[in-house]
C-alpha cells in the first residue's frame, strides 16, 4: 500500500516538473517517460501472464489428480460388478450342467424301463426287406413239411 502512495506522489511531482520544464527538455522527458511506461507495462503484463499461467497449471494439475482418482474408483466399481456377473454366470452354468446330467440320467434309465428306442436302435434302410428277400410261395412250409421235420 505504501509503495502505491509513493508511486502516486512521484507521478504528481513528475507531471508538475514536465509542465514547468523548457520545451526541448519537456520532449526528452516525455520520450523517457513513454519508454519507461512501455517497459513497466510490458513487465506488468509479463508478470500477470506468468501468474495466470501458474494458476492455470495448478488448476490443471488438481483436475488431473481428481480425474485420476475418479478413474480408479470407477475402474474398481466396474471390476467388482464384472466379478459379480461372472460369479452369477458360473452359478447358472453349474445349475444348467447339473440339470443336463439329471436329464441324461432320466433318459438313459427310461430307455430300459419304457423301452424307448434310441437312434441307434431304430431300423435303417438296410434293415427293410426288399422284394428279393421276401419268401416266395416255394419257400413257404406246408403241412407236409412240418410233419417230416417233427418225426
N, C-alpha and C. Protein backbone atom coordinates (compact mmCIF):
# COMPACT_ATOMS: atom_id res chain seq x y z
N UNK A 1 0.82 -1.19 0.00
CA UNK A 1 0.00 0.00 0.00
C UNK A 1 0.86 1.25 0.00
N UNK A 2 1.97 1.25 0.79
CA UNK A 2 2.87 2.41 0.86
C UNK A 2 3.55 2.63 -0.48
N UNK A 3 3.88 1.55 -1.16
CA UNK A 3 4.52 1.65 -2.47
C UNK A 3 3.60 2.36 -3.45
N UNK A 4 2.34 2.05 -3.38
CA UNK A 4 1.34 2.65 -4.27
C UNK A 4 1.25 4.16 -4.03
N UNK A 5 1.26 4.59 -2.76
CA UNK A 5 1.19 6.02 -2.43
C UNK A 5 2.44 6.76 -2.91
N UNK A 6 3.57 6.09 -2.77
CA UNK A 6 4.83 6.71 -3.21
C UNK A 6 4.81 6.90 -4.72
N UNK A 7 4.31 5.90 -5.42
CA UNK A 7 4.24 5.99 -6.88
C UNK A 7 3.31 7.13 -7.31
N UNK A 8 2.19 7.29 -6.61
CA UNK A 8 1.26 8.39 -6.94
C UNK A 8 1.91 9.75 -6.72
N UNK A 9 2.62 9.87 -5.61
CA UNK A 9 3.28 11.15 -5.30
C UNK A 9 4.35 11.46 -6.33
N UNK A 10 5.11 10.44 -6.73
CA UNK A 10 6.16 10.62 -7.73
C UNK A 10 5.54 11.01 -9.06
N UNK A 11 4.39 10.44 -9.39
CA UNK A 11 3.70 10.76 -10.64
C UNK A 11 3.24 12.22 -10.66
N UNK A 12 2.68 12.68 -9.54
CA UNK A 12 2.25 14.08 -9.46
C UNK A 12 3.43 15.04 -9.60
N UNK A 13 4.52 14.70 -8.91
CA UNK A 13 5.70 15.55 -8.97
C UNK A 13 6.26 15.58 -10.39
N UNK A 14 6.26 14.45 -11.04
CA UNK A 14 6.76 14.35 -12.41
C UNK A 14 5.91 15.18 -13.36
N UNK A 15 4.58 15.20 -13.18
CA UNK A 15 3.70 15.99 -14.04
C UNK A 15 3.97 17.49 -13.87
N UNK A 16 4.18 17.91 -12.64
CA UNK A 16 4.46 19.33 -12.39
C UNK A 16 5.80 19.73 -12.99
N UNK A 17 6.80 18.84 -12.89
CA UNK A 17 8.11 19.14 -13.46
C UNK A 17 8.02 19.28 -14.97
N UNK A 18 7.25 18.42 -15.60
CA UNK A 18 7.12 18.45 -17.05
C UNK A 18 6.41 19.73 -17.46
N UNK A 19 5.42 20.15 -16.71
CA UNK A 19 4.66 21.35 -17.06
C UNK A 19 5.53 22.62 -17.02
N UNK A 20 6.42 22.67 -16.06
CA UNK A 20 7.22 23.88 -15.90
C UNK A 20 8.59 23.78 -16.56
N UNK A 21 8.92 22.65 -17.18
CA UNK A 21 10.22 22.48 -17.82
C UNK A 21 10.24 23.16 -19.18
N UNK A 22 11.46 23.54 -19.69
CA UNK A 22 11.57 24.14 -21.01
C UNK A 22 11.17 23.13 -22.10
N UNK A 23 10.81 23.62 -23.26
CA UNK A 23 10.27 22.82 -24.36
C UNK A 23 11.19 21.68 -24.82
N UNK A 24 12.51 21.91 -25.10
CA UNK A 24 13.33 20.77 -25.55
C UNK A 24 13.48 19.72 -24.44
N UNK A 25 13.55 20.15 -23.23
CA UNK A 25 13.69 19.22 -22.11
C UNK A 25 12.37 18.45 -21.91
N UNK A 26 11.27 19.15 -22.14
CA UNK A 26 9.95 18.54 -22.00
C UNK A 26 9.80 17.37 -22.98
N UNK A 27 10.28 17.51 -24.22
CA UNK A 27 10.19 16.45 -25.23
C UNK A 27 11.02 15.24 -24.80
N UNK A 28 12.24 15.52 -24.29
CA UNK A 28 13.10 14.41 -23.84
C UNK A 28 12.45 13.68 -22.67
N UNK A 29 11.87 14.46 -21.75
CA UNK A 29 11.23 13.84 -20.57
C UNK A 29 10.04 12.99 -21.02
N UNK A 30 9.24 13.48 -21.95
CA UNK A 30 8.09 12.72 -22.44
C UNK A 30 8.53 11.41 -23.10
N UNK A 31 9.60 11.48 -23.93
CA UNK A 31 10.11 10.27 -24.57
C UNK A 31 10.58 9.26 -23.53
N UNK A 32 11.29 9.78 -22.53
CA UNK A 32 11.83 8.92 -21.47
C UNK A 32 10.68 8.29 -20.68
N UNK A 33 9.67 9.10 -20.36
CA UNK A 33 8.52 8.59 -19.61
C UNK A 33 7.77 7.53 -20.42
N UNK A 34 7.61 7.80 -21.72
CA UNK A 34 6.92 6.83 -22.59
C UNK A 34 7.68 5.52 -22.65
N UNK A 35 9.02 5.59 -22.77
CA UNK A 35 9.83 4.38 -22.82
C UNK A 35 9.72 3.60 -21.51
N UNK A 36 9.80 4.31 -20.38
CA UNK A 36 9.70 3.64 -19.08
C UNK A 36 8.31 3.06 -18.88
N UNK A 37 7.29 3.79 -19.33
CA UNK A 37 5.92 3.29 -19.21
C UNK A 37 5.74 2.01 -20.03
N UNK A 38 6.34 2.00 -21.23
CA UNK A 38 6.26 0.79 -22.07
C UNK A 38 6.94 -0.38 -21.37
N UNK A 39 8.12 -0.12 -20.79
CA UNK A 39 8.85 -1.20 -20.10
C UNK A 39 8.06 -1.70 -18.90
N UNK A 40 7.52 -0.75 -18.11
CA UNK A 40 6.75 -1.16 -16.93
C UNK A 40 5.50 -1.92 -17.35
N UNK A 41 4.84 -1.45 -18.40
CA UNK A 41 3.64 -2.12 -18.88
C UNK A 41 3.98 -3.54 -19.35
N UNK A 42 5.05 -3.67 -20.09
CA UNK A 42 5.48 -4.99 -20.58
C UNK A 42 5.82 -5.90 -19.41
N UNK A 43 6.55 -5.35 -18.41
CA UNK A 43 6.89 -6.15 -17.23
C UNK A 43 5.62 -6.57 -16.48
N UNK A 44 4.71 -5.60 -16.33
CA UNK A 44 3.48 -5.86 -15.61
C UNK A 44 2.65 -6.94 -16.33
N UNK A 45 2.53 -6.82 -17.66
CA UNK A 45 1.78 -7.80 -18.45
C UNK A 45 2.45 -9.17 -18.35
N UNK A 46 3.77 -9.19 -18.42
CA UNK A 46 4.50 -10.45 -18.34
C UNK A 46 4.26 -11.12 -16.99
N UNK A 47 4.32 -10.33 -15.90
CA UNK A 47 4.08 -10.89 -14.56
C UNK A 47 2.66 -11.45 -14.44
N UNK A 48 1.69 -10.68 -14.95
CA UNK A 48 0.31 -11.15 -14.90
C UNK A 48 0.12 -12.44 -15.69
N UNK A 49 0.74 -12.50 -16.85
CA UNK A 49 0.63 -13.70 -17.69
C UNK A 49 1.27 -14.90 -16.99
N UNK A 50 2.41 -14.66 -16.33
CA UNK A 50 3.06 -15.76 -15.62
C UNK A 50 2.17 -16.24 -14.47
N UNK A 51 1.57 -15.28 -13.74
CA UNK A 51 0.69 -15.65 -12.64
C UNK A 51 -0.51 -16.44 -13.16
N UNK A 52 -1.10 -15.95 -14.24
CA UNK A 52 -2.25 -16.66 -14.83
C UNK A 52 -1.84 -18.05 -15.30
N UNK A 53 -0.66 -18.15 -15.91
CA UNK A 53 -0.17 -19.45 -16.37
C UNK A 53 0.04 -20.41 -15.20
N UNK A 54 0.57 -19.90 -14.10
CA UNK A 54 0.76 -20.73 -12.91
C UNK A 54 -0.58 -21.19 -12.35
N UNK A 55 -1.55 -20.25 -12.32
CA UNK A 55 -2.87 -20.62 -11.81
C UNK A 55 -3.52 -21.69 -12.69
N UNK A 56 -3.39 -21.51 -13.99
CA UNK A 56 -3.96 -22.50 -14.92
C UNK A 56 -3.29 -23.85 -14.75
N UNK A 57 -1.97 -23.85 -14.60
CA UNK A 57 -1.26 -25.13 -14.44
C UNK A 57 -1.63 -25.80 -13.12
N UNK A 58 -1.83 -24.99 -12.05
CA UNK A 58 -2.26 -25.56 -10.77
C UNK A 58 -3.66 -26.16 -10.88
N UNK A 59 -4.56 -25.43 -11.54
CA UNK A 59 -5.91 -25.95 -11.72
C UNK A 59 -5.89 -27.23 -12.55
N UNK A 60 -5.09 -27.22 -13.60
CA UNK A 60 -4.99 -28.39 -14.45
C UNK A 60 -4.45 -29.59 -13.67
N UNK A 61 -3.46 -29.34 -12.85
CA UNK A 61 -2.88 -30.41 -12.05
C UNK A 61 -3.90 -30.97 -11.06
N UNK A 62 -4.64 -30.07 -10.40
CA UNK A 62 -5.65 -30.55 -9.44
C UNK A 62 -6.76 -31.32 -10.15
N UNK A 63 -7.18 -30.83 -11.31
CA UNK A 63 -8.22 -31.53 -12.07
C UNK A 63 -7.72 -32.90 -12.53
N UNK A 64 -6.46 -32.96 -12.94
CA UNK A 64 -5.88 -34.22 -13.37
C UNK A 64 -5.87 -35.22 -12.23
N UNK A 65 -5.49 -34.75 -11.04
CA UNK A 65 -5.48 -35.64 -9.87
C UNK A 65 -6.88 -36.12 -9.53
N UNK A 66 -7.86 -35.21 -9.56
CA UNK A 66 -9.24 -35.59 -9.26
C UNK A 66 -9.75 -36.61 -10.27
N UNK A 67 -9.46 -36.36 -11.54
CA UNK A 67 -9.91 -37.28 -12.59
C UNK A 67 -9.24 -38.65 -12.45
N UNK A 68 -7.97 -38.65 -12.06
CA UNK A 68 -7.27 -39.92 -11.86
C UNK A 68 -7.92 -40.70 -10.72
N UNK A 69 -8.27 -39.99 -9.64
CA UNK A 69 -8.93 -40.66 -8.51
C UNK A 69 -10.29 -41.22 -8.94
N UNK A 70 -11.06 -40.40 -9.67
CA UNK A 70 -12.36 -40.85 -10.14
C UNK A 70 -12.22 -42.06 -11.05
N UNK A 71 -11.21 -42.02 -11.92
CA UNK A 71 -10.98 -43.12 -12.84
C UNK A 71 -10.70 -44.41 -12.09
N UNK A 72 -9.85 -44.32 -11.06
CA UNK A 72 -9.53 -45.52 -10.28
C UNK A 72 -10.77 -46.04 -9.54
N UNK A 73 -11.59 -45.11 -9.02
CA UNK A 73 -12.81 -45.53 -8.34
C UNK A 73 -13.76 -46.22 -9.30
N UNK A 74 -13.94 -45.64 -10.47
CA UNK A 74 -14.85 -46.23 -11.46
C UNK A 74 -14.32 -47.59 -11.94
N UNK A 75 -13.00 -47.68 -12.09
CA UNK A 75 -12.41 -48.96 -12.52
C UNK A 75 -12.65 -50.03 -11.46
N UNK A 76 -12.51 -49.68 -10.19
CA UNK A 76 -12.76 -50.64 -9.11
C UNK A 76 -14.21 -51.08 -9.12
N UNK A 77 -15.13 -50.11 -9.28
CA UNK A 77 -16.55 -50.44 -9.32
C UNK A 77 -16.85 -51.38 -10.48
N UNK A 78 -16.29 -51.07 -11.64
CA UNK A 78 -16.52 -51.91 -12.83
C UNK A 78 -15.96 -53.31 -12.61
N UNK A 79 -14.81 -53.38 -11.98
CA UNK A 79 -14.19 -54.69 -11.72
C UNK A 79 -15.07 -55.52 -10.79
N UNK A 80 -15.60 -54.87 -9.73
CA UNK A 80 -16.47 -55.59 -8.79
C UNK A 80 -17.74 -56.06 -9.48
N UNK A 81 -18.34 -55.19 -10.29
CA UNK A 81 -19.56 -55.57 -11.00
C UNK A 81 -19.30 -56.73 -11.94
N UNK A 82 -18.18 -56.68 -12.66
CA UNK A 82 -17.83 -57.76 -13.59
C UNK A 82 -17.64 -59.07 -12.85
N UNK A 83 -16.97 -59.00 -11.69
CA UNK A 83 -16.77 -60.23 -10.91
C UNK A 83 -18.11 -60.80 -10.44
N UNK A 84 -19.03 -59.92 -10.00
CA UNK A 84 -20.35 -60.38 -9.59
C UNK A 84 -21.08 -61.06 -10.74
N UNK A 85 -21.03 -60.44 -11.91
CA UNK A 85 -21.69 -61.01 -13.09
C UNK A 85 -21.09 -62.36 -13.45
N UNK A 86 -19.76 -62.44 -13.41
CA UNK A 86 -19.10 -63.71 -13.75
C UNK A 86 -19.45 -64.81 -12.75
N UNK A 87 -19.54 -64.45 -11.46
CA UNK A 87 -19.93 -65.45 -10.46
C UNK A 87 -21.37 -65.92 -10.70
N UNK A 88 -22.25 -65.00 -11.04
CA UNK A 88 -23.63 -65.39 -11.33
C UNK A 88 -23.70 -66.31 -12.54
N UNK A 89 -22.94 -65.98 -13.58
CA UNK A 89 -22.91 -66.82 -14.78
C UNK A 89 -22.36 -68.20 -14.45
N UNK A 90 -21.33 -68.24 -13.62
CA UNK A 90 -20.73 -69.52 -13.22
C UNK A 90 -21.75 -70.37 -12.47
N UNK A 91 -22.48 -69.75 -11.53
CA UNK A 91 -23.50 -70.48 -10.78
C UNK A 91 -24.58 -71.02 -11.72
N UNK A 92 -25.04 -70.17 -12.63
CA UNK A 92 -26.10 -70.59 -13.56
C UNK A 92 -25.63 -71.71 -14.47
N UNK A 93 -24.39 -71.62 -14.94
CA UNK A 93 -23.85 -72.70 -15.78
C UNK A 93 -23.74 -74.00 -15.01
N UNK A 94 -23.37 -73.90 -13.73
CA UNK A 94 -23.31 -75.09 -12.89
C UNK A 94 -24.68 -75.74 -12.75
N UNK A 95 -25.70 -74.90 -12.55
CA UNK A 95 -27.06 -75.43 -12.43
C UNK A 95 -27.52 -76.07 -13.74
N UNK A 96 -27.19 -75.43 -14.86
CA UNK A 96 -27.56 -75.98 -16.17
C UNK A 96 -26.87 -77.33 -16.39
N UNK A 97 -25.61 -77.42 -15.99
CA UNK A 97 -24.87 -78.67 -16.15
C UNK A 97 -25.50 -79.78 -15.32
N UNK A 98 -25.85 -79.45 -14.06
CA UNK A 98 -26.49 -80.45 -13.20
C UNK A 98 -27.83 -80.89 -13.78
N UNK A 99 -28.60 -79.94 -14.27
CA UNK A 99 -29.90 -80.27 -14.86
C UNK A 99 -29.71 -81.15 -16.09
N UNK A 100 -28.72 -80.86 -16.90
CA UNK A 100 -28.43 -81.68 -18.08
C UNK A 100 -28.02 -83.09 -17.71
N UNK A 101 -27.19 -83.22 -16.66
CA UNK A 101 -26.79 -84.55 -16.22
C UNK A 101 -27.99 -85.35 -15.70
N UNK A 102 -28.85 -84.69 -14.93
CA UNK A 102 -30.05 -85.36 -14.42
C UNK A 102 -30.96 -85.78 -15.57
N UNK A 103 -31.12 -84.91 -16.54
CA UNK A 103 -31.95 -85.23 -17.69
C UNK A 103 -31.39 -86.43 -18.44
N UNK A 104 -30.07 -86.45 -18.60
CA UNK A 104 -29.45 -87.56 -19.32
C UNK A 104 -29.63 -88.87 -18.54
N UNK A 105 -29.54 -88.80 -17.21
CA UNK A 105 -29.76 -90.00 -16.40
C UNK A 105 -31.19 -90.50 -16.56
N UNK A 106 -32.14 -89.56 -16.56
CA UNK A 106 -33.54 -89.94 -16.72
C UNK A 106 -33.79 -90.58 -18.08
N UNK A 107 -33.20 -89.98 -19.11
CA UNK A 107 -33.38 -90.52 -20.46
C UNK A 107 -32.76 -91.90 -20.56
N UNK A 108 -31.57 -92.10 -20.02
CA UNK A 108 -30.92 -93.41 -20.14
C UNK A 108 -31.62 -94.46 -19.30
N UNK A 109 -32.15 -94.08 -18.14
CA UNK A 109 -32.87 -95.06 -17.31
C UNK A 109 -34.24 -95.36 -17.90
N UNK A 110 -34.86 -94.41 -18.55
CA UNK A 110 -36.18 -94.64 -19.15
C UNK A 110 -36.07 -95.51 -20.39
N UNK A 111 -34.90 -95.58 -21.00
CA UNK A 111 -34.71 -96.46 -22.15
C UNK A 111 -34.98 -97.91 -21.74
N UNK A 112 -34.47 -98.27 -20.59
CA UNK A 112 -34.64 -99.65 -20.13
C UNK A 112 -36.07 -99.89 -19.66
N UNK A 113 -36.66 -98.92 -18.96
CA UNK A 113 -37.99 -99.09 -18.38
C UNK A 113 -39.08 -98.97 -19.43
N UNK A 114 -39.06 -97.91 -20.16
CA UNK A 114 -40.14 -97.62 -21.09
C UNK A 114 -39.89 -98.20 -22.48
N UNK A 115 -38.76 -98.77 -22.70
CA UNK A 115 -38.35 -99.34 -23.97
C UNK A 115 -38.41 -98.30 -25.09
N UNK A 116 -37.91 -97.12 -24.77
CA UNK A 116 -37.81 -96.08 -25.79
C UNK A 116 -36.57 -96.36 -26.61
N UNK A 117 -36.75 -96.38 -27.91
CA UNK A 117 -35.62 -96.70 -28.76
C UNK A 117 -34.75 -95.47 -28.97
N UNK A 118 -33.46 -95.71 -28.91
CA UNK A 118 -32.55 -94.61 -29.23
C UNK A 118 -32.33 -94.60 -30.74
N UNK A 119 -31.63 -93.64 -31.22
CA UNK A 119 -31.43 -93.53 -32.66
C UNK A 119 -30.64 -94.71 -33.21
N UNK A 120 -29.86 -95.35 -32.36
CA UNK A 120 -29.07 -96.49 -32.83
C UNK A 120 -29.93 -97.75 -32.92
N UNK A 121 -31.01 -97.79 -32.14
CA UNK A 121 -31.87 -98.97 -32.15
C UNK A 121 -32.93 -98.93 -33.25
N UNK A 122 -33.17 -97.81 -33.83
CA UNK A 122 -34.17 -97.68 -34.89
C UNK A 122 -33.61 -98.30 -36.17
N UNK A 123 -34.47 -99.06 -36.86
CA UNK A 123 -34.03 -99.74 -38.07
C UNK A 123 -33.76 -98.74 -39.18
N UNK A 124 -32.78 -99.08 -39.92
CA UNK A 124 -32.42 -98.22 -41.03
C UNK A 124 -32.94 -98.75 -42.34
N UNK A 125 -32.55 -98.16 -43.40
CA UNK A 125 -32.98 -98.54 -44.75
C UNK A 125 -32.50 -99.96 -45.08
N UNK A 126 -31.33 -100.33 -44.61
CA UNK A 126 -30.76 -101.65 -44.94
C UNK A 126 -31.49 -102.79 -44.25
N UNK A 127 -32.19 -102.46 -43.16
CA UNK A 127 -32.90 -103.49 -42.41
C UNK A 127 -34.26 -103.83 -43.02
N UNK A 128 -34.74 -103.01 -43.89
CA UNK A 128 -36.05 -103.25 -44.50
C UNK A 128 -35.88 -104.30 -45.61
N UNK A 129 -36.80 -105.27 -45.63
CA UNK A 129 -36.72 -106.34 -46.63
C UNK A 129 -37.11 -105.81 -48.00
N UNK A 130 -36.38 -106.26 -48.95
CA UNK A 130 -36.71 -105.87 -50.31
C UNK A 130 -37.54 -106.98 -50.94
N UNK A 131 -37.97 -106.78 -52.13
CA UNK A 131 -38.83 -107.76 -52.81
C UNK A 131 -38.07 -109.06 -53.08
N UNK A 132 -36.77 -109.04 -53.16
CA UNK A 132 -36.00 -110.26 -53.45
C UNK A 132 -35.79 -111.09 -52.20
N UNK A 133 -35.86 -110.46 -51.03
CA UNK A 133 -35.63 -111.23 -49.79
C UNK A 133 -36.92 -111.79 -49.22
N UNK A 134 -38.05 -111.42 -49.74
CA UNK A 134 -39.33 -111.96 -49.25
C UNK A 134 -39.47 -113.40 -49.78
N UNK A 135 -39.93 -114.27 -48.89
CA UNK A 135 -40.07 -115.68 -49.27
C UNK A 135 -41.12 -115.83 -50.36
N UNK A 136 -40.79 -116.66 -51.26
CA UNK A 136 -41.77 -116.92 -52.33
C UNK A 136 -42.67 -118.08 -51.90
N UNK A 137 -43.63 -118.39 -52.69
CA UNK A 137 -44.56 -119.47 -52.36
C UNK A 137 -43.84 -120.82 -52.29
N UNK A 138 -42.70 -120.94 -52.96
CA UNK A 138 -41.95 -122.19 -52.95
C UNK A 138 -41.26 -122.40 -51.59
N UNK A 139 -40.89 -121.32 -50.92
CA UNK A 139 -40.17 -121.42 -49.65
C UNK A 139 -41.11 -121.56 -48.46
N UNK A 140 -42.39 -121.37 -48.64
CA UNK A 140 -43.32 -121.45 -47.51
C UNK A 140 -43.55 -122.93 -47.20
N UNK A 141 -43.46 -123.26 -45.90
CA UNK A 141 -43.64 -124.65 -45.48
C UNK A 141 -45.11 -125.03 -45.51
N UNK A 142 -45.32 -126.17 -45.94
CA UNK A 142 -46.69 -126.70 -45.97
C UNK A 142 -46.86 -127.64 -44.80
N UNK A 143 -48.03 -128.17 -44.65
CA UNK A 143 -48.30 -129.11 -43.56
C UNK A 143 -47.48 -130.38 -43.71
N UNK A 144 -47.15 -130.79 -44.93
CA UNK A 144 -46.35 -131.97 -45.17
C UNK A 144 -44.93 -131.77 -44.69
N UNK A 145 -44.40 -130.59 -44.92
CA UNK A 145 -43.03 -130.28 -44.50
C UNK A 145 -42.91 -130.27 -43.00
N UNK A 146 -43.91 -129.82 -42.33
CA UNK A 146 -43.86 -129.72 -40.86
C UNK A 146 -43.84 -131.10 -40.27
N UNK A 147 -44.62 -132.05 -40.82
CA UNK A 147 -44.67 -133.38 -40.29
C UNK A 147 -43.36 -134.11 -40.50
N UNK A 148 -42.72 -133.87 -41.58
CA UNK A 148 -41.47 -134.54 -41.89
C UNK A 148 -40.38 -134.12 -40.90
N UNK A 149 -40.38 -132.92 -40.53
CA UNK A 149 -39.32 -132.42 -39.63
C UNK A 149 -39.56 -132.91 -38.22
N UNK A 150 -40.78 -133.02 -37.79
CA UNK A 150 -41.06 -133.40 -36.41
C UNK A 150 -40.86 -134.89 -36.17
N UNK A 151 -40.96 -135.73 -37.17
CA UNK A 151 -40.83 -137.16 -36.96
C UNK A 151 -39.46 -137.68 -36.98
